[in-house]
Each structure stands twice: as C-alpha cells, then as structure tokens.
C-alpha cells in the first residue's frame, strides 16, 4: 500500500468484520494480501494488473469512500458543502447520508478504485442496486475530485448479471463482471424459513437453487 488514495481509505476502515478476518487469517502487524487468483480474475475484468500489495476492505460504506476522497484533499477537521444527488425538481437528497449502505468489497491500488458487488445463490436486488448507483452519481461532482482516478464497479457472480443492470452507473464508473466460484459447483445449499408470511408457527427447510456456474 503506497498511494494517497489507499492511505485515505484506510483511516475510514473500521468495519468489525474486516478486522475479524484480518485477525483470523493474517499475522499481527503483517499485511494480508489478496490471493493471486483473485487479483488475476478482477484484473482481467478491468483490464488492469492489480498490485500484489493492493489495499482492500469489505463492507466498506459509500459514505466512507466519499469521505476518503474529501480527506485526501482537505485533511482532518475540514467541512464543506454536501453535494446533492437528486433531480432539481425533487426534494434534496445528499451525497453523504450517514447511512451504512456499502460495497461488498473494495480494492484500491495506484490511482484505481474497484468497487465490488457480489451475489452467490440469491438474485440481484434491483431496487438496492439502483439506490447504490444513484449514490455513486456523487462521484461526478467536482467536490470529490475523481478526475485523476480510474473507477470500476465489478459485479461478482457465478453467471452474468441481468442485462437491465447495465447502464445505471454514472459515466465516470466502468461496469464489469467477474465469475464467482465455489469450491464444489455441485454442492447443495439449504435454506430455512417460516412456512408462509401468515403461518409463523411453522418452519420449512429446503434446497436452494444451485448457482449457474460459467463454463470452464
């Protein structure tokens, strides 16, 4: 990790799940690097060679990304105008919202930021995705100074995402897809839930639909 954007992102990275993973899989005070195969996969999707020591985080809030972009310009203790992301005729909706809306995974190296949204056995939530895309329109605002950055949004899933997810992101972000693999493509996943919305005193268990894996 050597660039200014990685350093700015790092000071916002306080998600507990990330630090549990670091404690479980890495040695104290030693960097926990991305697997070569993962770097190659994402790198192929964005047509970039990802550095071996690329910075990464999980469940990273959109607010934190916007904050990091401001922090690398102004430093700690600064304040300023919060850009709007709403249409002119609509009620104001602001870029920084104090919410926990996040990216599943984030990678940064050099002047490149890769935002990752993953789906395994579930379907894509279009309402959620549309909301995130709207939040990311803030990156077009000069306040966040992304002109020197390459921004990518990678949809990570066993099979390509639906066509209607294409075109929602602002023009400053390039959308890509990469395949999510499982250790055993034939494995079964099981779900449990209530018998029905009205039948809360019963439970039902069954197999989840297997993800459709890409051809090898």
Protein backbone atom coordinates (compact mmCIF):
# COMPACT_ATOMS: atom_id res chain seq x y z
CA UNK A 1 0.00 0.00 0.00
CA UNK A 2 1.70 3.18 -1.13
CA UNK A 3 -0.71 5.64 -2.76
CA UNK A 4 -2.57 8.58 -1.29
CA UNK A 5 -5.99 7.11 -2.04
CA UNK A 6 -5.20 3.87 -0.18
CA UNK A 7 -3.98 5.83 2.85
CA UNK A 8 -7.15 7.95 2.81
CA UNK A 9 -9.40 4.89 2.58
CA UNK A 10 -7.52 3.09 5.35
CA UNK A 11 -8.32 5.69 8.03
CA UNK A 12 -12.06 5.13 7.46
CA UNK A 13 -11.86 1.33 7.51
CA UNK A 14 -13.32 0.43 10.90
CA UNK A 15 -15.74 -2.37 9.91
CA UNK A 16 -15.58 -5.11 12.54
CA UNK A 17 -15.98 -7.96 10.05
CA UNK A 18 -12.85 -6.84 8.20
CA UNK A 19 -10.79 -6.78 11.37
CA UNK A 20 -12.07 -10.21 12.42
CA UNK A 21 -10.93 -11.60 9.05
CA UNK A 22 -7.56 -9.88 9.43
CA UNK A 23 -7.15 -11.38 12.89
CA UNK A 24 -8.28 -14.84 11.78
CA UNK A 25 -6.28 -15.14 8.56
CA UNK A 26 -3.33 -12.76 8.92
CA UNK A 27 -0.45 -12.34 11.34
CA UNK A 28 -0.35 -9.31 13.62
CA UNK A 29 1.25 -6.24 12.01
CA UNK A 30 1.66 -8.12 8.74
CA UNK A 31 -0.30 -7.31 5.56
CA UNK A 32 -2.94 -9.80 4.45
CA UNK A 33 -2.68 -9.81 0.67
CA UNK A 34 -5.28 -10.76 -1.88
CA UNK A 35 -4.93 -14.21 -3.44
CA UNK A 36 -3.14 -14.21 -6.79
CA UNK A 37 -6.10 -15.94 -8.45
CA UNK A 38 -8.49 -13.26 -7.18
CA UNK A 39 -6.21 -10.44 -8.33
CA UNK A 40 -5.94 -12.10 -11.73
CA UNK A 41 -9.72 -12.54 -12.01
CA UNK A 42 -10.60 -8.97 -11.09
CA UNK A 43 -7.62 -7.65 -13.03
CA UNK A 44 -8.79 -9.44 -16.17
CA UNK A 45 -12.28 -7.98 -15.72
CA UNK A 46 -11.00 -4.40 -15.52
CA UNK A 47 -8.03 -4.90 -17.87
CA UNK A 48 -5.52 -3.84 -15.21
CA UNK A 49 -2.71 -5.60 -13.39
CA UNK A 50 -3.59 -5.38 -9.71
CA UNK A 51 -0.62 -4.81 -7.42
CA UNK A 52 0.37 -7.65 -5.10
CA UNK A 53 0.03 -5.30 -2.13
CA UNK A 54 -3.24 -3.73 -3.27
CA UNK A 55 -5.32 -2.30 -0.43
CA UNK A 56 -8.67 -3.98 0.20
CA UNK A 57 -11.66 -3.84 2.51
CA UNK A 58 -15.04 -5.46 2.93
CA UNK A 59 -18.47 -3.98 3.75
CA UNK A 60 -16.99 -0.53 3.13
CA UNK A 61 -19.57 2.24 3.45
CA UNK A 62 -20.27 4.51 0.48
CA UNK A 63 -20.05 7.43 2.92
CA UNK A 64 -16.51 6.30 3.79
CA UNK A 65 -15.44 6.27 0.15
CA UNK A 66 -16.78 9.79 -0.32
CA UNK A 67 -15.14 10.81 2.94
CA UNK A 68 -11.79 9.40 1.83
CA UNK A 69 -11.96 11.39 -1.41
CA UNK A 70 -12.54 14.56 0.60
CA UNK A 71 -9.95 13.66 3.23
CA UNK A 72 -7.16 13.24 0.68
CA UNK A 73 -7.83 16.81 -0.47
CA UNK A 74 -8.57 18.66 2.76
CA UNK A 75 -7.37 16.56 5.68
CA UNK A 76 -8.93 16.07 9.08
CA UNK A 77 -11.28 18.61 10.65
CA UNK A 78 -12.44 20.18 7.42
CA UNK A 79 -16.04 20.70 6.41
CA UNK A 80 -17.88 21.85 3.34
CA UNK A 81 -20.96 21.70 1.16
CA UNK A 82 -22.62 18.28 0.84
CA UNK A 83 -23.43 17.82 -2.88
CA UNK A 84 -26.93 16.78 -3.88
CA UNK A 85 -27.67 13.68 -5.95
CA UNK A 86 -31.36 14.39 -6.54
CA UNK A 87 -33.05 15.91 -9.55
CA UNK A 88 -33.55 19.65 -9.49
CA UNK A 89 -37.32 19.39 -9.06
CA UNK A 90 -37.14 16.69 -6.36
CA UNK A 91 -36.65 17.06 -2.62
CA UNK A 92 -32.91 17.34 -1.85
CA UNK A 93 -31.04 14.07 -1.40
CA UNK A 94 -27.44 14.44 -0.39
CA UNK A 95 -24.30 12.51 -1.26
CA UNK A 96 -23.12 11.85 2.29
CA UNK A 97 -26.08 10.40 4.17
CA UNK A 98 -24.81 8.94 7.43
CA UNK A 99 -26.06 5.51 6.32
CA UNK A 100 -24.45 2.06 6.32
CA UNK A 101 -25.07 1.44 2.61
CA UNK A 102 -21.88 -0.24 1.49
CA UNK A 103 -19.85 -2.17 -1.06
CA UNK A 104 -19.35 -5.87 -0.53
CA UNK A 105 -15.67 -5.44 -1.33
CA UNK A 106 -13.34 -2.60 -2.27
CA UNK A 107 -9.87 -2.68 -3.84
CA UNK A 108 -7.53 0.27 -4.36
CA UNK A 109 -4.10 0.46 -5.94
CA UNK A 110 -2.29 3.38 -7.52
CA UNK A 111 -4.99 5.60 -8.99
CA UNK A 112 -7.57 2.82 -9.39
CA UNK A 113 -10.56 2.02 -7.20
CA UNK A 114 -12.59 -1.15 -7.75
CA UNK A 115 -15.99 -1.42 -6.10
CA UNK A 116 -17.36 -4.99 -5.95
CA UNK A 117 -20.97 -6.11 -5.54
CA UNK A 118 -21.37 -9.87 -5.12
CA UNK A 119 -24.25 -12.31 -5.47
CA UNK A 120 -23.92 -16.03 -4.86
CA UNK A 121 -27.19 -18.00 -4.69
CA UNK A 122 -29.59 -15.09 -4.38
CA UNK A 123 -30.95 -12.81 -7.08
CA UNK A 124 -29.94 -9.24 -7.80
CA UNK A 125 -31.95 -6.67 -5.85
CA UNK A 126 -32.66 -4.05 -8.49
CA UNK A 127 -34.01 -1.51 -6.01
CA UNK A 128 -30.87 -1.80 -3.89
CA UNK A 129 -28.58 -1.66 -6.92
CA UNK A 130 -30.40 1.36 -8.34
CA UNK A 131 -30.03 3.11 -4.99
CA UNK A 132 -26.28 2.47 -4.91
CA UNK A 133 -25.89 3.69 -8.47
CA UNK A 134 -27.70 6.88 -7.55
CA UNK A 135 -25.40 7.40 -4.57
CA UNK A 136 -22.40 6.98 -6.86
CA UNK A 137 -23.51 9.78 -9.15
CA UNK A 138 -21.90 11.96 -6.48
CA UNK A 139 -18.51 10.92 -7.85
CA UNK A 140 -19.19 13.14 -10.85
CA UNK A 141 -19.28 16.20 -8.61
CA UNK A 142 -16.04 18.25 -8.64
CA UNK A 143 -16.08 18.24 -4.83
CA UNK A 144 -14.81 14.65 -4.80
CA UNK A 145 -12.02 15.26 -7.35
CA UNK A 146 -12.06 11.87 -9.06
CA UNK A 147 -10.65 13.16 -12.35
CA UNK A 148 -7.26 11.51 -11.74
CA UNK A 149 -8.80 8.15 -10.76
CA UNK A 150 -9.93 5.09 -12.71
CA UNK A 151 -13.19 3.88 -11.18
CA UNK A 152 -14.65 0.42 -11.75
CA UNK A 153 -17.73 -1.38 -10.45
CA UNK A 154 -17.44 -5.17 -10.73
CA UNK A 155 -20.48 -7.41 -10.43
CA UNK A 156 -19.16 -10.68 -8.99
CA UNK A 157 -21.48 -13.65 -9.51
CA UNK A 158 -21.47 -17.23 -10.83
CA UNK A 159 -23.21 -16.15 -14.05
CA UNK A 160 -23.51 -12.79 -15.82
CA UNK A 161 -25.95 -10.34 -14.22
CA UNK A 162 -29.25 -9.39 -15.90
CA UNK A 163 -28.96 -7.01 -18.83
CA UNK A 164 -31.15 -4.41 -17.13
CA UNK A 165 -28.41 -3.74 -14.56
CA UNK A 166 -26.22 -2.29 -17.29
CA UNK A 167 -26.27 1.47 -17.78
CA UNK A 168 -27.34 2.54 -14.28
CA UNK A 169 -23.92 3.77 -13.16
CA UNK A 170 -22.65 7.28 -13.84
CA UNK A 171 -20.37 7.71 -16.83
CA UNK A 172 -17.27 8.12 -14.63
CA UNK A 173 -17.52 4.47 -13.48
CA UNK A 174 -16.92 1.47 -15.75
CA UNK A 175 -19.06 -1.61 -15.05
CA UNK A 176 -17.56 -5.08 -15.41
CA UNK A 177 -18.40 -8.69 -14.47
CA UNK A 178 -16.25 -11.42 -12.95
CA UNK A 179 -17.21 -15.00 -12.13
CA UNK A 180 -17.64 -16.06 -8.51
CA UNK A 181 -16.56 -19.67 -7.98
CA UNK A 182 -17.45 -22.27 -5.37
CA UNK A 183 -15.12 -24.98 -4.09
CA UNK A 184 -17.66 -27.57 -5.31
CA UNK A 185 -20.07 -26.40 -8.06
CA UNK A 186 -22.34 -29.39 -7.34
CA UNK A 187 -22.76 -28.66 -3.65
CA UNK A 188 -26.22 -28.10 -2.23
CA UNK A 189 -27.15 -25.04 -0.20
CA UNK A 190 -30.07 -25.29 2.21
CA UNK A 191 -32.39 -22.56 3.41
CA UNK A 192 -34.82 -22.39 6.31
CA UNK A 193 -37.73 -20.05 6.83
CA UNK A 194 -41.29 -19.68 8.01
CA UNK A 195 -44.00 -21.81 6.49
CA UNK A 196 -45.51 -18.68 4.94
CA UNK A 197 -45.93 -15.00 5.65
CA UNK A 198 -49.04 -15.72 7.71
CA UNK A 199 -48.01 -19.13 9.06
CA UNK A 200 -45.36 -18.02 11.56
CA UNK A 201 -45.65 -21.02 13.90
CA UNK A 202 -44.17 -23.44 11.33
CA UNK A 203 -40.82 -23.65 9.64
CA UNK A 204 -39.81 -25.13 6.32
CA UNK A 205 -36.42 -26.25 5.06
CA UNK A 206 -35.35 -26.98 1.52
CA UNK A 207 -32.62 -26.84 -1.07
CA UNK A 208 -31.65 -23.55 -2.62
CA UNK A 209 -31.38 -23.37 -6.37
CA UNK A 210 -27.81 -24.15 -7.42
CA UNK A 211 -25.96 -21.19 -8.91
CA UNK A 212 -25.41 -21.46 -12.64
CA UNK A 213 -21.63 -21.72 -12.98
CA UNK A 214 -19.74 -20.40 -16.02
CA UNK A 215 -18.19 -22.90 -18.42
CA UNK A 216 -14.60 -23.76 -17.59
